[in-house]
Amino acid sequence: LIYVNGSGALIWWNTTDFAQSFNGAVASKTWHHVAVTRASDNYIRLYVDGQNVAKSSSTFTEDMNNFTRIVLGRHASQYFKGYISNFRITNQVLYTHNFTPSSSSIAG
C-alpha cells in the first residue's frame, strides 16, 4: 500500500514492514515525481522529486507475484483528491540513488 497521509508524508506499508518519509515531503496542490523501488538489497526506498525520503526498516523479500491488487486514488474510505499522470510499474529498478526526474512525458 502506498499513500500520502494528512501530514504530507509518503508511506509504503505492508503487513510486516513500512517506510515513511518526513511530514510535508509531498506538498498539496503541487506536482511531484514519486517513485517506490526495491533494489537487489531488498530494501524498499521512497523517492519524492528525485530525493530518497525513506527506506524500509527491514528487507522485503516476498515474491511480488503474490501481490495482485493495485489501487490508485483510494484508501479505505478516503479518496485521493488530485491527479495522477504517467503511472507505471516495471520489473527493473530504475532508481537506487538520488536522481533528477525527467521533465518530459514517458514514451510509449
C-alpha atoms as a PDB file:
ATOM      1  CA  LEU A   1       0.000   0.000   0.000  1.00  0.00           C
ATOM      2  CA  ILE A   2       1.395   3.403  -0.970  1.00  0.00           C
ATOM      3  CA  TYR A   3      -0.268   6.602   0.162  1.00  0.00           C
ATOM      4  CA  VAL A   4       0.208  10.158   1.399  1.00  0.00           C
ATOM      5  CA  ASN A   5      -1.115  10.844   4.884  1.00  0.00           C
ATOM      6  CA  GLY A   6      -2.796  14.037   6.099  1.00  0.00           C
ATOM      7  CA  SER A   7       0.594  15.496   7.121  1.00  0.00           C
ATOM      8  CA  GLY A   8       2.086  15.076   3.636  1.00  0.00           C
ATOM      9  CA  ALA A   9       4.236  12.051   4.478  1.00  0.00           C
ATOM     10  CA  LEU A  10       4.682   9.412   1.761  1.00  0.00           C
ATOM     11  CA  ILE A  11       4.131   5.945   3.209  1.00  0.00           C
ATOM     12  CA  TRP A  12       4.690   2.412   1.917  1.00  0.00           C
ATOM     13  CA  TRP A  13       3.158  -0.261   4.106  1.00  0.00           C
ATOM     14  CA  ASN A  14       2.586  -3.985   4.061  1.00  0.00           C
ATOM     15  CA  THR A  15       1.689  -6.428   6.815  1.00  0.00           C
ATOM     16  CA  THR A  16       5.281  -6.787   8.055  1.00  0.00           C
ATOM     17  CA  ASP A  17       7.087  -3.506   7.427  1.00  0.00           C
ATOM     18  CA  PHE A  18       6.754   0.121   6.397  1.00  0.00           C
ATOM     19  CA  ALA A  19       8.719   3.128   5.186  1.00  0.00           C
ATOM     20  CA  GLN A  20       7.603   6.676   5.942  1.00  0.00           C
ATOM     21  CA  SER A  21       9.020   9.994   4.802  1.00  0.00           C
ATOM     22  CA  PHE A  22       9.086  13.150   6.868  1.00  0.00           C
ATOM     23  CA  ASN A  23       5.895  15.198   7.150  1.00  0.00           C
ATOM     24  CA  GLY A  24       5.489  17.626   4.253  1.00  0.00           C
ATOM     25  CA  ALA A  25       7.511  15.573   1.756  1.00  0.00           C
ATOM     26  CA  VAL A  26       4.502  15.661  -0.560  1.00  0.00           C
ATOM     27  CA  ALA A  27       3.018  19.160  -0.542  1.00  0.00           C
ATOM     28  CA  SER A  28      -0.612  19.541  -1.533  1.00  0.00           C
ATOM     29  CA  LYS A  29      -1.554  21.372  -4.746  1.00  0.00           C
ATOM     30  CA  THR A  30       1.899  20.612  -6.213  1.00  0.00           C
ATOM     31  CA  TRP A  31       3.034  18.115  -8.856  1.00  0.00           C
ATOM     32  CA  HIS A  32       5.560  15.592  -7.535  1.00  0.00           C
ATOM     33  CA  HIS A  33       7.536  12.774  -9.071  1.00  0.00           C
ATOM     34  CA  VAL A  34       7.093   9.813  -6.707  1.00  0.00           C
ATOM     35  CA  ALA A  35       8.979   6.520  -7.014  1.00  0.00           C
ATOM     36  CA  VAL A  36       8.986   3.383  -4.892  1.00  0.00           C
ATOM     37  CA  THR A  37      11.773   0.879  -5.510  1.00  0.00           C
ATOM     38  CA  ARG A  38      13.122  -2.423  -4.270  1.00  0.00           C
ATOM     39  CA  ALA A  39      16.733  -2.975  -5.323  1.00  0.00           C
ATOM     40  CA  SER A  40      18.880  -6.097  -5.005  1.00  0.00           C
ATOM     41  CA  ASP A  41      19.393  -5.429  -1.265  1.00  0.00           C
ATOM     42  CA  ASN A  42      15.587  -5.893  -0.832  1.00  0.00           C
ATOM     43  CA  TYR A  43      15.026  -2.603   0.997  1.00  0.00           C
ATOM     44  CA  ILE A  44      12.061  -0.501  -0.105  1.00  0.00           C
ATOM     45  CA  ARG A  45      13.051   3.100  -0.873  1.00  0.00           C
ATOM     46  CA  LEU A  46      10.741   6.061  -1.392  1.00  0.00           C
ATOM     47  CA  TYR A  47      11.727   8.974  -3.620  1.00  0.00           C
ATOM     48  CA  VAL A  48       9.977  12.323  -3.949  1.00  0.00           C
ATOM     49  CA  ASP A  49      11.173  14.606  -6.744  1.00  0.00           C
ATOM     50  CA  GLY A  50      14.334  12.528  -7.079  1.00  0.00           C
ATOM     51  CA  GLN A  51      15.328  12.622  -3.410  1.00  0.00           C
ATOM     52  CA  ASN A  52      15.384   9.496  -1.235  1.00  0.00           C
ATOM     53  CA  VAL A  53      12.986  10.368   1.587  1.00  0.00           C
ATOM     54  CA  ALA A  54      12.592   6.979   3.295  1.00  0.00           C
ATOM     55  CA  LYS A  55      13.865   3.412   3.468  1.00  0.00           C
ATOM     56  CA  SER A  56      12.145   0.404   4.999  1.00  0.00           C
ATOM     57  CA  SER A  57      13.452  -0.664   8.388  1.00  0.00           C
ATOM     58  CA  SER A  58      13.988  -4.232   7.208  1.00  0.00           C
ATOM     59  CA  THR A  59      14.296  -6.125   3.955  1.00  0.00           C
ATOM     60  CA  PHE A  60      11.220  -7.077   1.945  1.00  0.00           C
ATOM     61  CA  THR A  61      11.805 -10.440   0.302  1.00  0.00           C
ATOM     62  CA  GLU A  62       8.279 -11.524  -0.574  1.00  0.00           C
ATOM     63  CA  ASP A  63       7.579 -12.614  -4.136  1.00  0.00           C
ATOM     64  CA  MET A  64       5.856  -9.671  -5.806  1.00  0.00           C
ATOM     65  CA  ASN A  65       3.772 -12.147  -7.839  1.00  0.00           C
ATOM     66  CA  ASN A  66       1.794 -12.732  -4.637  1.00  0.00           C
ATOM     67  CA  PHE A  67       0.541  -9.137  -4.742  1.00  0.00           C
ATOM     68  CA  THR A  68      -2.110  -8.830  -7.421  1.00  0.00           C
ATOM     69  CA  ARG A  69      -4.121  -5.769  -6.372  1.00  0.00           C
ATOM     70  CA  ILE A  70      -3.241  -2.216  -7.334  1.00  0.00           C
ATOM     71  CA  VAL A  71      -5.469   0.554  -6.058  1.00  0.00           C
ATOM     72  CA  LEU A  72      -4.973   4.115  -7.274  1.00  0.00           C
ATOM     73  CA  GLY A  73      -6.710   7.025  -5.703  1.00  0.00           C
ATOM     74  CA  ARG A  74      -8.495   5.387  -2.786  1.00  0.00           C
ATOM     75  CA  HIS A  75      -7.507   4.112   0.647  1.00  0.00           C
ATOM     76  CA  ALA A  76     -10.255   2.591   2.800  1.00  0.00           C
ATOM     77  CA  SER A  77     -12.991   5.247   2.917  1.00  0.00           C
ATOM     78  CA  GLN A  78     -10.640   8.100   1.981  1.00  0.00           C
ATOM     79  CA  TYR A  79     -10.453   9.216  -1.631  1.00  0.00           C
ATOM     80  CA  PHE A  80      -7.478  10.815  -3.368  1.00  0.00           C
ATOM     81  CA  LYS A  81      -8.235  14.407  -4.318  1.00  0.00           C
ATOM     82  CA  GLY A  82      -5.776  15.179  -7.061  1.00  0.00           C
ATOM     83  CA  TYR A  83      -4.288  13.987 -10.325  1.00  0.00           C
ATOM     84  CA  ILE A  84      -2.086  11.041 -11.251  1.00  0.00           C
ATOM     85  CA  SER A  85      -0.154  11.075 -14.500  1.00  0.00           C
ATOM     86  CA  ASN A  86       2.267   8.667 -16.177  1.00  0.00           C
ATOM     87  CA  PHE A  87       1.813   5.870 -13.635  1.00  0.00           C
ATOM     88  CA  ARG A  88       3.904   2.812 -14.444  1.00  0.00           C
ATOM     89  CA  ILE A  89       5.191  -0.429 -12.981  1.00  0.00           C
ATOM     90  CA  THR A  90       8.421  -2.024 -14.161  1.00  0.00           C
ATOM     91  CA  ASN A  91      10.334  -5.176 -13.345  1.00  0.00           C
ATOM     92  CA  GLN A  92      13.570  -3.162 -13.406  1.00  0.00           C
ATOM     93  CA  VAL A  93      14.998  -0.998 -10.638  1.00  0.00           C
ATOM     94  CA  LEU A  94      15.122   2.483 -12.151  1.00  0.00           C
ATOM     95  CA  TYR A  95      16.445   4.366  -9.119  1.00  0.00           C
ATOM     96  CA  THR A  96      18.974   3.362  -6.465  1.00  0.00           C
ATOM     97  CA  HIS A  97      20.260   6.830  -5.521  1.00  0.00           C
ATOM     98  CA  ASN A  98      19.024  10.410  -5.702  1.00  0.00           C
ATOM     99  CA  PHE A  99      18.268  11.471  -9.293  1.00  0.00           C
ATOM    100  CA  THR A 100      16.901  14.278 -11.412  1.00  0.00           C
ATOM    101  CA  PRO A 101      13.385  13.370 -12.579  1.00  0.00           C
ATOM    102  CA  SER A 102      12.691  13.699 -16.276  1.00  0.00           C
ATOM    103  CA  SER A 103      10.665  16.736 -17.265  1.00  0.00           C
ATOM    104  CA  SER A 104       9.282  15.020 -20.380  1.00  0.00           C
ATOM    105  CA  SER A 105       6.432  12.541 -20.729  1.00  0.00           C
ATOM    106  CA  ILE A 106       7.005   8.804 -20.566  1.00  0.00           C
ATOM    107  CA  ALA A 107       7.478   7.451 -24.088  1.00  0.00           C
ATOM    108  CA  GLY A 108       5.009   4.718 -25.027  1.00  0.00           C
END
